[in-house]
């Protein structure tokens, strides 16, 4: 993390891209990150979503003008997850959903739906 934080600085003067090969996907918060590009297949939906949620960390400044301690300026109102394999994202969502109800039958049974 130190080289990443040094390159980003405050995030106001620099424009950076952080490249990570399987690192910095869990337990890391970098408020200045505003997007992630998913370029590899992850086996676990939890790992996939943990990586995606890294960019959702809020980036805001409390009391930006120094005159109102209750004021907060939001610097990152949105974030983006770019996945260049749409079936990968859908598969991860499906696998995660199935994992929430492991005792339910897998798949969709049209005979019970009217």
PDB file of N, CA and C in Angstrom:
ATOM      1  N   UNK A   1       0.773  -1.210   0.000  1.00  0.00           N
ATOM      2  CA  UNK A   1       0.000   0.000   0.000  1.00  0.00           C
ATOM      3  C   UNK A   1       0.821   1.285   0.000  1.00  0.00           C
ATOM      4  N   UNK A   2       1.973   1.326   0.660  1.00  0.00           N
ATOM      5  CA  UNK A   2       2.711   2.595   0.670  1.00  0.00           C
ATOM      6  C   UNK A   2       2.997   3.167  -0.723  1.00  0.00           C
ATOM      7  N   UNK A   3       3.431   2.370  -1.703  1.00  0.00           N
ATOM      8  CA  UNK A   3       3.662   2.967  -3.036  1.00  0.00           C
ATOM      9  C   UNK A   3       2.381   3.501  -3.676  1.00  0.00           C
ATOM     10  N   UNK A   4       1.263   2.830  -3.436  1.00  0.00           N
ATOM     11  CA  UNK A   4      -0.015   3.279  -3.985  1.00  0.00           C
ATOM     12  C   UNK A   4      -0.407   4.610  -3.351  1.00  0.00           C
ATOM     13  N   UNK A   5      -0.339   4.681  -2.037  1.00  0.00           N
ATOM     14  CA  UNK A   5      -0.702   5.917  -1.330  1.00  0.00           C
ATOM     15  C   UNK A   5       0.223   7.078  -1.734  1.00  0.00           C
ATOM     16  N   UNK A   6       1.501   6.779  -1.922  1.00  0.00           N
ATOM     17  CA  UNK A   6       2.454   7.822  -2.324  1.00  0.00           C
ATOM     18  C   UNK A   6       2.111   8.339  -3.720  1.00  0.00           C
ATOM     19  N   UNK A   7       1.769   7.436  -4.640  1.00  0.00           N
ATOM     20  CA  UNK A   7       1.445   7.848  -6.004  1.00  0.00           C
ATOM     21  C   UNK A   7       0.150   8.659  -6.059  1.00  0.00           C
ATOM     22  N   UNK A   8      -0.837   8.259  -5.266  1.00  0.00           N
ATOM     23  CA  UNK A   8      -2.123   8.946  -5.275  1.00  0.00           C
ATOM     24  C   UNK A   8      -2.044  10.285  -4.553  1.00  0.00           C
ATOM     25  N   UNK A   9      -1.275  10.335  -3.475  1.00  0.00           N
ATOM     26  CA  UNK A   9      -1.199  11.565  -2.680  1.00  0.00           C
ATOM     27  C   UNK A   9      -2.562  11.896  -2.112  1.00  0.00           C
ATOM     28  N   UNK A  10      -2.955  13.145  -2.197  1.00  0.00           N
ATOM     29  CA  UNK A  10      -4.269  13.542  -1.691  1.00  0.00           C
ATOM     30  C   UNK A  10      -5.372  13.162  -2.667  1.00  0.00           C
ATOM     31  N   UNK A  11      -4.996  12.927  -3.925  1.00  0.00           N
ATOM     32  CA  UNK A  11      -5.981  12.597  -4.940  1.00  0.00           C
ATOM     33  C   UNK A  11      -6.486  13.800  -5.701  1.00  0.00           C
ATOM     34  N   UNK A  12      -6.072  14.987  -5.298  1.00  0.00           N
ATOM     35  CA  UNK A  12      -6.516  16.204  -5.973  1.00  0.00           C
ATOM     36  C   UNK A  12      -5.588  16.606  -7.109  1.00  0.00           C
ATOM     37  N   UNK A  13      -4.300  16.414  -6.918  1.00  0.00           N
ATOM     38  CA  UNK A  13      -3.330  16.874  -7.913  1.00  0.00           C
ATOM     39  C   UNK A  13      -2.953  15.797  -8.920  1.00  0.00           C
ATOM     40  N   UNK A  14      -3.290  14.545  -8.642  1.00  0.00           N
ATOM     41  CA  UNK A  14      -2.817  13.454  -9.488  1.00  0.00           C
ATOM     42  C   UNK A  14      -3.963  12.697 -10.125  1.00  0.00           C
ATOM     43  N   UNK A  15      -3.673  12.077 -11.218  1.00  0.00           N
ATOM     44  CA  UNK A  15      -4.563  11.122 -11.881  1.00  0.00           C
ATOM     45  C   UNK A  15      -3.758   9.828 -11.965  1.00  0.00           C
ATOM     46  N   UNK A  16      -4.216   8.791 -11.312  1.00  0.00           N
ATOM     47  CA  UNK A  16      -3.446   7.554 -11.275  1.00  0.00           C
ATOM     48  C   UNK A  16      -4.310   6.358 -11.636  1.00  0.00           C
ATOM     49  N   UNK A  17      -3.641   5.300 -12.021  1.00  0.00           N
ATOM     50  CA  UNK A  17      -4.259   3.993 -12.236  1.00  0.00           C
ATOM     51  C   UNK A  17      -3.454   3.010 -11.406  1.00  0.00           C
ATOM     52  N   UNK A  18      -4.141   2.230 -10.596  1.00  0.00           N
ATOM     53  CA  UNK A  18      -3.480   1.216  -9.781  1.00  0.00           C
ATOM     54  C   UNK A  18      -3.688  -0.130 -10.445  1.00  0.00           C
ATOM     55  N   UNK A  19      -2.608  -0.807 -10.794  1.00  0.00           N
ATOM     56  CA  UNK A  19      -2.687  -2.156 -11.354  1.00  0.00           C
ATOM     57  C   UNK A  19      -2.346  -3.151 -10.261  1.00  0.00           C
ATOM     58  N   UNK A  20      -3.194  -4.146 -10.112  1.00  0.00           N
ATOM     59  CA  UNK A  20      -3.004  -5.126  -9.060  1.00  0.00           C
ATOM     60  C   UNK A  20      -3.293  -6.508  -9.619  1.00  0.00           C
ATOM     61  N   UNK A  21      -2.431  -7.428  -9.352  1.00  0.00           N
ATOM     62  CA  UNK A  21      -2.613  -8.811  -9.799  1.00  0.00           C
ATOM     63  C   UNK A  21      -2.956  -9.678  -8.589  1.00  0.00           C
ATOM     64  N   UNK A  22      -4.226  -9.647  -8.204  1.00  0.00           N
ATOM     65  CA  UNK A  22      -4.675 -10.454  -7.081  1.00  0.00           C
ATOM     66  C   UNK A  22      -4.396  -9.847  -5.725  1.00  0.00           C
ATOM     67  N   UNK A  23      -3.850  -8.669  -5.680  1.00  0.00           N
ATOM     68  CA  UNK A  23      -3.578  -7.971  -4.418  1.00  0.00           C
ATOM     69  C   UNK A  23      -4.549  -6.811  -4.282  1.00  0.00           C
ATOM     70  N   UNK A  24      -4.633  -6.258  -3.107  1.00  0.00           N
ATOM     71  CA  UNK A  24      -5.434  -5.071  -2.830  1.00  0.00           C
ATOM     72  C   UNK A  24      -6.929  -5.273  -3.117  1.00  0.00           C
ATOM     73  N   UNK A  25      -7.407  -6.507  -3.024  1.00  0.00           N
ATOM     74  CA  UNK A  25      -8.820  -6.762  -3.284  1.00  0.00           C
ATOM     75  C   UNK A  25      -9.623  -6.936  -2.003  1.00  0.00           C
ATOM     76  N   UNK A  26      -8.982  -7.233  -0.896  1.00  0.00           N
ATOM     77  CA  UNK A  26      -9.699  -7.388   0.367  1.00  0.00           C
ATOM     78  C   UNK A  26      -8.955  -6.631   1.462  1.00  0.00           C
ATOM     79  N   UNK A  27      -9.728  -6.044   2.349  1.00  0.00           N
ATOM     80  CA  UNK A  27      -9.147  -5.374   3.509  1.00  0.00           C
ATOM     81  C   UNK A  27      -8.414  -4.091   3.213  1.00  0.00           C
ATOM     82  N   UNK A  28      -8.614  -3.521   2.046  1.00  0.00           N
ATOM     83  CA  UNK A  28      -7.915  -2.298   1.650  1.00  0.00           C
ATOM     84  C   UNK A  28      -8.958  -1.230   1.333  1.00  0.00           C
ATOM     85  N   UNK A  29      -8.750  -0.056   1.850  1.00  0.00           N
ATOM     86  CA  UNK A  29      -9.643   1.054   1.529  1.00  0.00           C
ATOM     87  C   UNK A  29      -8.812   2.200   0.975  1.00  0.00           C
ATOM     88  N   UNK A  30      -9.092   2.559  -0.255  1.00  0.00           N
ATOM     89  CA  UNK A  30      -8.459   3.707  -0.900  1.00  0.00           C
ATOM     90  C   UNK A  30      -9.608   4.584  -1.396  1.00  0.00           C
ATOM     91  N   UNK A  31      -9.961   5.607  -0.634  1.00  0.00           N
ATOM     92  CA  UNK A  31     -11.134   6.415  -0.994  1.00  0.00           C
ATOM     93  C   UNK A  31     -11.077   6.992  -2.404  1.00  0.00           C
ATOM     94  N   UNK A  32      -9.887   7.272  -2.914  1.00  0.00           N
ATOM     95  CA  UNK A  32      -9.766   7.908  -4.226  1.00  0.00           C
ATOM     96  C   UNK A  32     -10.089   6.961  -5.388  1.00  0.00           C
ATOM     97  N   UNK A  33     -10.094   5.658  -5.154  1.00  0.00           N
ATOM     98  CA  UNK A  33     -10.432   4.729  -6.239  1.00  0.00           C
ATOM     99  C   UNK A  33     -11.889   4.936  -6.626  1.00  0.00           C
ATOM    100  N   UNK A  34     -12.148   5.098  -7.909  1.00  0.00           N
ATOM    101  CA  UNK A  34     -13.520   5.318  -8.365  1.00  0.00           C
ATOM    102  C   UNK A  34     -14.013   4.242  -9.320  1.00  0.00           C
ATOM    103  N   UNK A  35     -13.137   3.319  -9.701  1.00  0.00           N
ATOM    104  CA  UNK A  35     -13.582   2.233 -10.574  1.00  0.00           C
ATOM    105  C   UNK A  35     -12.641   1.045 -10.438  1.00  0.00           C
ATOM    106  N   UNK A  36     -13.142  -0.087 -10.893  1.00  0.00           N
ATOM    107  CA  UNK A  36     -12.336  -1.304 -10.938  1.00  0.00           C
ATOM    108  C   UNK A  36     -12.647  -2.000 -12.256  1.00  0.00           C
ATOM    109  N   UNK A  37     -11.638  -2.578 -12.850  1.00  0.00           N
ATOM    110  CA  UNK A  37     -11.820  -3.348 -14.069  1.00  0.00           C
ATOM    111  C   UNK A  37     -11.548  -4.806 -13.737  1.00  0.00           C
ATOM    112  N   UNK A  38     -12.552  -5.632 -13.911  1.00  0.00           N
ATOM    113  CA  UNK A  38     -12.416  -7.064 -13.645  1.00  0.00           C
ATOM    114  C   UNK A  38     -11.871  -7.717 -14.918  1.00  0.00           C
ATOM    115  N   UNK A  39     -10.673  -8.242 -14.802  1.00  0.00           N
ATOM    116  CA  UNK A  39     -10.034  -8.827 -15.976  1.00  0.00           C
ATOM    117  C   UNK A  39      -9.737 -10.310 -15.827  1.00  0.00           C
ATOM    118  N   UNK A  40      -9.993 -10.871 -14.653  1.00  0.00           N
ATOM    119  CA  UNK A  40      -9.704 -12.289 -14.468  1.00  0.00           C
ATOM    120  C   UNK A  40     -10.885 -12.970 -13.798  1.00  0.00           C
ATOM    121  N   UNK A  41     -10.969 -14.263 -14.010  1.00  0.00           N
ATOM    122  CA  UNK A  41     -12.022 -15.049 -13.395  1.00  0.00           C
ATOM    123  C   UNK A  41     -11.671 -15.331 -11.944  1.00  0.00           C
ATOM    124  N   UNK A  42     -12.598 -15.029 -11.072  1.00  0.00           N
ATOM    125  CA  UNK A  42     -12.435 -15.341  -9.664  1.00  0.00           C
ATOM    126  C   UNK A  42     -13.366 -16.500  -9.342  1.00  0.00           C
ATOM    127  N   UNK A  43     -12.871 -17.456  -8.605  1.00  0.00           N
ATOM    128  CA  UNK A  43     -13.656 -18.654  -8.290  1.00  0.00           C
ATOM    129  C   UNK A  43     -14.785 -18.356  -7.309  1.00  0.00           C
ATOM    130  N   UNK A  44     -14.552 -17.482  -6.378  1.00  0.00           N
ATOM    131  CA  UNK A  44     -15.490 -17.238  -5.292  1.00  0.00           C
ATOM    132  C   UNK A  44     -16.291 -15.959  -5.538  1.00  0.00           C
ATOM    133  N   UNK A  45     -17.629 -16.039  -5.474  1.00  0.00           N
ATOM    134  CA  UNK A  45     -18.414 -14.803  -5.595  1.00  0.00           C
ATOM    135  C   UNK A  45     -18.062 -13.797  -4.505  1.00  0.00           C
ATOM    136  N   UNK A  46     -17.747 -14.282  -3.310  1.00  0.00           N
ATOM    137  CA  UNK A  46     -17.398 -13.372  -2.227  1.00  0.00           C
ATOM    138  C   UNK A  46     -16.145 -12.572  -2.561  1.00  0.00           C
ATOM    139  N   UNK A  47     -15.159 -13.214  -3.179  1.00  0.00           N
ATOM    140  CA  UNK A  47     -13.939 -12.513  -3.583  1.00  0.00           C
ATOM    141  C   UNK A  47     -14.241 -11.494  -4.673  1.00  0.00           C
ATOM    142  N   UNK A  48     -15.087 -11.868  -5.611  1.00  0.00           N
ATOM    143  CA  UNK A  48     -15.478 -10.972  -6.700  1.00  0.00           C
ATOM    144  C   UNK A  48     -16.128  -9.708  -6.133  1.00  0.00           C
ATOM    145  N   UNK A  49     -17.115  -9.898  -5.240  1.00  0.00           N
ATOM    146  CA  UNK A  49     -17.830  -8.749  -4.690  1.00  0.00           C
ATOM    147  C   UNK A  49     -16.960  -7.941  -3.733  1.00  0.00           C
ATOM    148  N   UNK A  50     -16.094  -8.607  -3.006  1.00  0.00           N
ATOM    149  CA  UNK A  50     -15.181  -7.885  -2.106  1.00  0.00           C
ATOM    150  C   UNK A  50     -14.303  -6.939  -2.931  1.00  0.00           C
ATOM    151  N   UNK A  51     -13.802  -7.424  -4.058  1.00  0.00           N
ATOM    152  CA  UNK A  51     -12.988  -6.582  -4.935  1.00  0.00           C
ATOM    153  C   UNK A  51     -13.827  -5.432  -5.498  1.00  0.00           C
ATOM    154  N   UNK A  52     -15.043  -5.731  -5.917  1.00  0.00           N
ATOM    155  CA  UNK A  52     -15.913  -4.695  -6.480  1.00  0.00           C
ATOM    156  C   UNK A  52     -16.254  -3.638  -5.432  1.00  0.00           C
ATOM    157  N   UNK A  53     -16.465  -4.058  -4.203  1.00  0.00           N
ATOM    158  CA  UNK A  53     -16.851  -3.113  -3.155  1.00  0.00           C
ATOM    159  C   UNK A  53     -15.698  -2.240  -2.681  1.00  0.00           C
ATOM    160  N   UNK A  54     -14.469  -2.561  -3.062  1.00  0.00           N
ATOM    161  CA  UNK A  54     -13.329  -1.702  -2.705  1.00  0.00           C
ATOM    162  C   UNK A  54     -13.537  -0.298  -3.237  1.00  0.00           C
ATOM    163  N   UNK A  55     -14.115  -0.181  -4.427  1.00  0.00           N
ATOM    164  CA  UNK A  55     -14.284   1.142  -5.028  1.00  0.00           C
ATOM    165  C   UNK A  55     -15.486   1.888  -4.459  1.00  0.00           C
ATOM    166  N   UNK A  56     -16.302   1.210  -3.668  1.00  0.00           N
ATOM    167  CA  UNK A  56     -17.467   1.868  -3.076  1.00  0.00           C
ATOM    168  C   UNK A  56     -17.155   2.574  -1.759  1.00  0.00           C
ATOM    169  N   UNK A  57     -15.926   2.499  -1.324  1.00  0.00           N
ATOM    170  CA  UNK A  57     -15.555   3.204  -0.102  1.00  0.00           C
ATOM    171  C   UNK A  57     -15.809   4.695  -0.302  1.00  0.00           C
ATOM    172  N   UNK A  58     -16.456   5.346   0.661  1.00  0.00           N
ATOM    173  CA  UNK A  58     -16.756   6.768   0.481  1.00  0.00           C
ATOM    174  C   UNK A  58     -15.504   7.636   0.473  1.00  0.00           C
ATOM    175  N   UNK A  59     -15.573   8.717  -0.281  1.00  0.00           N
ATOM    176  CA  UNK A  59     -14.517   9.726  -0.273  1.00  0.00           C
ATOM    177  C   UNK A  59     -15.194  11.064  -0.079  1.00  0.00           C
ATOM    178  N   UNK A  60     -15.054  11.601   1.086  1.00  0.00           N
ATOM    179  CA  UNK A  60     -15.664  12.884   1.399  1.00  0.00           C
ATOM    180  C   UNK A  60     -14.756  13.654   2.354  1.00  0.00           C
ATOM    181  N   UNK A  61     -15.037  14.938   2.464  1.00  0.00           N
ATOM    182  CA  UNK A  61     -14.281  15.814   3.355  1.00  0.00           C
ATOM    183  C   UNK A  61     -15.273  16.470   4.309  1.00  0.00           C
ATOM    184  N   UNK A  62     -15.004  16.352   5.581  1.00  0.00           N
ATOM    185  CA  UNK A  62     -15.823  17.032   6.584  1.00  0.00           C
ATOM    186  C   UNK A  62     -15.306  18.455   6.760  1.00  0.00           C
ATOM    187  N   UNK A  63     -16.229  19.393   6.864  1.00  0.00           N
ATOM    188  CA  UNK A  63     -15.914  20.800   7.071  1.00  0.00           C
ATOM    189  C   UNK A  63     -14.939  21.325   5.999  1.00  0.00           C
ATOM    190  N   UNK A  64     -15.308  21.211   4.711  1.00  0.00           N
ATOM    191  CA  UNK A  64     -14.367  21.564   3.638  1.00  0.00           C
ATOM    192  C   UNK A  64     -13.919  23.025   3.642  1.00  0.00           C
ATOM    193  N   UNK A  65     -14.772  23.930   4.093  1.00  0.00           N
ATOM    194  CA  UNK A  65     -14.416  25.353   4.093  1.00  0.00           C
ATOM    195  C   UNK A  65     -13.902  25.832   5.444  1.00  0.00           C
ATOM    196  N   UNK A  66     -13.927  24.934   6.421  1.00  0.00           N
ATOM    197  CA  UNK A  66     -13.435  25.290   7.742  1.00  0.00           C
ATOM    198  C   UNK A  66     -14.381  26.132   8.577  1.00  0.00           C
ATOM    199  N   UNK A  67     -15.622  26.316   8.104  1.00  0.00           N
ATOM    200  CA  UNK A  67     -16.544  27.174   8.850  1.00  0.00           C
ATOM    201  C   UNK A  67     -17.822  26.471   9.314  1.00  0.00           C
ATOM    202  N   UNK A  68     -17.997  25.206   8.956  1.00  0.00           N
ATOM    203  CA  UNK A  68     -19.206  24.478   9.362  1.00  0.00           C
ATOM    204  C   UNK A  68     -18.845  23.029   9.658  1.00  0.00           C
ATOM    205  N   UNK A  69     -18.695  22.672  10.930  1.00  0.00           N
ATOM    206  CA  UNK A  69     -18.284  21.305  11.274  1.00  0.00           C
ATOM    207  C   UNK A  69     -19.311  20.247  10.879  1.00  0.00           C
ATOM    208  N   UNK A  70     -20.540  20.663  10.570  1.00  0.00           N
ATOM    209  CA  UNK A  70     -21.571  19.704  10.164  1.00  0.00           C
ATOM    210  C   UNK A  70     -21.628  19.503   8.654  1.00  0.00           C
ATOM    211  N   UNK A  71     -20.884  20.302   7.916  1.00  0.00           N
ATOM    212  CA  UNK A  71     -20.900  20.193   6.452  1.00  0.00           C
ATOM    213  C   UNK A  71     -19.960  19.084   6.004  1.00  0.00           C
ATOM    214  N   UNK A  72     -20.383  18.386   4.958  1.00  0.00           N
ATOM    215  CA  UNK A  72     -19.556  17.325   4.374  1.00  0.00           C
ATOM    216  C   UNK A  72     -19.650  17.417   2.864  1.00  0.00           C
ATOM    217  N   UNK A  73     -18.517  17.460   2.212  1.00  0.00           N
ATOM    218  CA  UNK A  73     -18.474  17.505   0.755  1.00  0.00           C
ATOM    219  C   UNK A  73     -18.147  16.111   0.235  1.00  0.00           C
ATOM    220  N   UNK A  74     -19.031  15.569  -0.583  1.00  0.00           N
ATOM    221  CA  UNK A  74     -18.835  14.236  -1.155  1.00  0.00           C
ATOM    222  C   UNK A  74     -18.037  14.385  -2.441  1.00  0.00           C
ATOM    223  N   UNK A  75     -16.875  13.773  -2.468  1.00  0.00           N
ATOM    224  CA  UNK A  75     -15.987  13.888  -3.626  1.00  0.00           C
ATOM    225  C   UNK A  75     -16.175  12.743  -4.617  1.00  0.00           C
ATOM    226  N   UNK A  76     -16.771  11.652  -4.156  1.00  0.00           N
ATOM    227  CA  UNK A  76     -16.994  10.503  -5.045  1.00  0.00           C
ATOM    228  C   UNK A  76     -18.451  10.068  -4.920  1.00  0.00           C
ATOM    229  N   UNK A  77     -19.340  10.670  -5.719  1.00  0.00           N
ATOM    230  CA  UNK A  77     -20.753  10.330  -5.597  1.00  0.00           C
ATOM    231  C   UNK A  77     -21.131   8.995  -6.244  1.00  0.00           C
ATOM    232  N   UNK A  78     -20.332   8.529  -7.187  1.00  0.00           N
ATOM    233  CA  UNK A  78     -20.596   7.259  -7.865  1.00  0.00           C
ATOM    234  C   UNK A  78     -19.285   6.510  -8.059  1.00  0.00           C
ATOM    235  N   UNK A  79     -19.402   5.226  -8.315  1.00  0.00           N
ATOM    236  CA  UNK A  79     -18.236   4.422  -8.660  1.00  0.00           C
ATOM    237  C   UNK A  79     -18.663   3.431  -9.740  1.00  0.00           C
ATOM    238  N   UNK A  80     -17.691   2.800 -10.383  1.00  0.00           N
ATOM    239  CA  UNK A  80     -17.980   1.939 -11.521  1.00  0.00           C
ATOM    240  C   UNK A  80     -17.242   0.617 -11.396  1.00  0.00           C
ATOM    241  N   UNK A  81     -17.925  -0.452 -11.818  1.00  0.00           N
ATOM    242  CA  UNK A  81     -17.308  -1.768 -11.945  1.00  0.00           C
ATOM    243  C   UNK A  81     -17.410  -2.131 -13.421  1.00  0.00           C
ATOM    244  N   UNK A  82     -16.264  -2.278 -14.058  1.00  0.00           N
ATOM    245  CA  UNK A  82     -16.219  -2.665 -15.463  1.00  0.00           C
ATOM    246  C   UNK A  82     -15.831  -4.136 -15.534  1.00  0.00           C
ATOM    247  N   UNK A  83     -16.722  -4.953 -16.035  1.00  0.00           N
ATOM    248  CA  UNK A  83     -16.426  -6.368 -16.212  1.00  0.00           C
ATOM    249  C   UNK A  83     -16.588  -6.652 -17.695  1.00  0.00           C
ATOM    250  N   UNK A  84     -15.504  -7.027 -18.332  1.00  0.00           N
ATOM    251  CA  UNK A  84     -15.501  -7.210 -19.777  1.00  0.00           C
ATOM    252  C   UNK A  84     -16.023  -8.570 -20.199  1.00  0.00           C
ATOM    253  N   UNK A  85     -16.452  -9.374 -19.237  1.00  0.00           N
ATOM    254  CA  UNK A  85     -17.081 -10.664 -19.518  1.00  0.00           C
ATOM    255  C   UNK A  85     -18.440 -10.660 -18.819  1.00  0.00           C
ATOM    256  N   UNK A  86     -19.498 -10.216 -19.500  1.00  0.00           N
ATOM    257  CA  UNK A  86     -20.802 -10.093 -18.851  1.00  0.00           C
ATOM    258  C   UNK A  86     -21.292 -11.398 -18.217  1.00  0.00           C
ATOM    259  N   UNK A  87     -20.964 -12.522 -18.810  1.00  0.00           N
ATOM    260  CA  UNK A  87     -21.409 -13.787 -18.222  1.00  0.00           C
ATOM    261  C   UNK A  87     -20.720 -14.047 -16.889  1.00  0.00           C
ATOM    262  N   UNK A  88     -19.526 -13.516 -16.704  1.00  0.00           N
ATOM    263  CA  UNK A  88     -18.812 -13.690 -15.436  1.00  0.00           C
ATOM    264  C   UNK A  88     -19.579 -13.006 -14.302  1.00  0.00           C
ATOM    265  N   UNK A  89     -20.003 -11.780 -14.518  1.00  0.00           N
ATOM    266  CA  UNK A  89     -20.750 -11.062 -13.492  1.00  0.00           C
ATOM    267  C   UNK A  89     -22.068 -11.770 -13.190  1.00  0.00           C
ATOM    268  N   UNK A  90     -22.769 -12.203 -14.214  1.00  0.00           N
ATOM    269  CA  UNK A  90     -24.035 -12.909 -14.003  1.00  0.00           C
ATOM    270  C   UNK A  90     -23.818 -14.233 -13.276  1.00  0.00           C
ATOM    271  N   UNK A  91     -22.764 -14.933 -13.618  1.00  0.00           N
ATOM    272  CA  UNK A  91     -22.458 -16.206 -12.945  1.00  0.00           C
ATOM    273  C   UNK A  91     -22.148 -15.977 -11.467  1.00  0.00           C
ATOM    274  N   UNK A  92     -21.403 -14.922 -11.170  1.00  0.00           N
ATOM    275  CA  UNK A  92     -21.072 -14.622  -9.780  1.00  0.00           C
ATOM    276  C   UNK A  92     -22.330 -14.291  -8.981  1.00  0.00           C
ATOM    277  N   UNK A  93     -23.229 -13.515  -9.568  1.00  0.00           N
ATOM    278  CA  UNK A  93     -24.493 -13.196  -8.895  1.00  0.00           C
ATOM    279  C   UNK A  93     -25.313 -14.459  -8.650  1.00  0.00           C
ATOM    280  N   UNK A  94     -25.373 -15.316  -9.650  1.00  0.00           N
ATOM    281  CA  UNK A  94     -26.125 -16.568  -9.516  1.00  0.00           C
ATOM    282  C   UNK A  94     -25.529 -17.455  -8.436  1.00  0.00           C
ATOM    283  N   UNK A  95     -24.218 -17.643  -8.469  1.00  0.00           N
ATOM    284  CA  UNK A  95     -23.553 -18.501  -7.482  1.00  0.00           C
ATOM    285  C   UNK A  95     -23.735 -17.954  -6.070  1.00  0.00           C
ATOM    286  N   UNK A  96     -23.675 -16.642  -5.939  1.00  0.00           N
ATOM    287  CA  UNK A  96     -23.850 -16.035  -4.621  1.00  0.00           C
ATOM    288  C   UNK A  96     -25.278 -16.263  -4.121  1.00  0.00           C
ATOM    289  N   UNK A  97     -26.251 -16.066  -5.006  1.00  0.00           N
ATOM    290  CA  UNK A  97     -27.651 -16.284  -4.645  1.00  0.00           C
ATOM    291  C   UNK A  97     -27.925 -17.725  -4.258  1.00  0.00           C
ATOM    292  N   UNK A  98     -27.369 -18.659  -5.003  1.00  0.00           N
ATOM    293  CA  UNK A  98     -27.540 -20.079  -4.686  1.00  0.00           C
ATOM    294  C   UNK A  98     -26.933 -20.381  -3.325  1.00  0.00           C
ATOM    295  N   UNK A  99     -25.807 -19.767  -3.026  1.00  0.00           N
ATOM    296  CA  UNK A  99     -25.152 -19.986  -1.740  1.00  0.00           C
ATOM    297  C   UNK A  99     -25.953 -19.465  -0.556  1.00  0.00           C
ATOM    298  N   UNK A 100     -26.855 -18.512  -0.807  1.00  0.00           N
ATOM    299  CA  UNK A 100     -27.681 -17.978   0.271  1.00  0.00           C
ATOM    300  C   UNK A 100     -28.730 -18.980   0.742  1.00  0.00           C
ATOM    301  N   UNK A 101     -29.165 -19.877  -0.152  1.00  0.00           N
ATOM    302  CA  UNK A 101     -30.164 -20.897   0.183  1.00  0.00           C
ATOM    303  C   UNK A 101     -29.669 -22.257  -0.285  1.00  0.00           C
ATOM    304  N   UNK A 102     -28.672 -22.820   0.388  1.00  0.00           N
ATOM    305  CA  UNK A 102     -28.060 -24.065  -0.089  1.00  0.00           C
ATOM    306  C   UNK A 102     -29.004 -25.263  -0.084  1.00  0.00           C
ATOM    307  N   UNK A 103     -30.100 -25.227   0.670  1.00  0.00           N
ATOM    308  CA  UNK A 103     -31.015 -26.363   0.727  1.00  0.00           C
ATOM    309  C   UNK A 103     -32.106 -26.313  -0.335  1.00  0.00           C
ATOM    310  N   UNK A 104     -32.195 -25.211  -1.044  1.00  0.00           N
ATOM    311  CA  UNK A 104     -33.182 -25.081  -2.113  1.00  0.00           C
ATOM    312  C   UNK A 104     -32.707 -25.849  -3.341  1.00  0.00           C
ATOM    313  N   UNK A 105     -33.642 -26.374  -4.134  1.00  0.00           N
ATOM    314  CA  UNK A 105     -33.230 -27.054  -5.367  1.00  0.00           C
ATOM    315  C   UNK A 105     -32.545 -26.070  -6.310  1.00  0.00           C
ATOM    316  N   UNK A 106     -31.527 -26.529  -6.980  1.00  0.00           N
ATOM    317  CA  UNK A 106     -30.783 -25.667  -7.899  1.00  0.00           C
ATOM    318  C   UNK A 106     -31.527 -25.578  -9.225  1.00  0.00           C
ATOM    319  N   UNK A 107     -31.478 -24.408  -9.806  1.00  0.00           N
ATOM    320  CA  UNK A 107     -32.126 -24.220 -11.100  1.00  0.00           C
ATOM    321  C   UNK A 107     -33.555 -23.742 -10.941  1.00  0.00           C
ATOM    322  N   UNK A 108     -34.168 -23.404 -12.059  1.00  0.00           N
ATOM    323  CA  UNK A 108     -35.506 -22.867 -12.083  1.00  0.00           C
ATOM    324  C   UNK A 108     -36.436 -23.919 -12.601  1.00  0.00           C
ATOM    325  N   UNK A 109     -37.447 -24.263 -11.834  1.00  0.00           N
ATOM    326  CA  UNK A 109     -38.412 -25.277 -12.227  1.00  0.00           C
ATOM    327  C   UNK A 109     -39.635 -24.580 -12.771  1.00  0.00           C
ATOM    328  N   UNK A 110     -39.815 -24.640 -14.090  1.00  0.00           N
ATOM    329  CA  UNK A 110     -40.932 -23.944 -14.722  1.00  0.00           C
ATOM    330  C   UNK A 110     -42.275 -24.558 -14.330  1.00  0.00           C
ATOM    331  N   UNK A 111     -42.303 -25.827 -13.920  1.00  0.00           N
ATOM    332  CA  UNK A 111     -43.573 -26.474 -13.603  1.00  0.00           C
ATOM    333  C   UNK A 111     -44.229 -25.870 -12.360  1.00  0.00           C
ATOM    334  N   UNK A 112     -43.442 -25.201 -11.496  1.00  0.00           N
ATOM    335  CA  UNK A 112     -44.021 -24.613 -10.292  1.00  0.00           C
ATOM    336  C   UNK A 112     -44.360 -23.152 -10.476  1.00  0.00           C
ATOM    337  N   UNK A 113     -44.065 -22.590 -11.638  1.00  0.00           N
ATOM    338  CA  UNK A 113     -44.326 -21.188 -11.901  1.00  0.00           C
ATOM    339  C   UNK A 113     -45.501 -21.062 -12.866  1.00  0.00           C
ATOM    340  N   UNK A 114     -46.461 -20.271 -12.514  1.00  0.00           N
ATOM    341  CA  UNK A 114     -47.636 -20.091 -13.381  1.00  0.00           C
ATOM    342  C   UNK A 114     -47.796 -18.640 -13.727  1.00  0.00           C
TER     343      UNK A 114
END
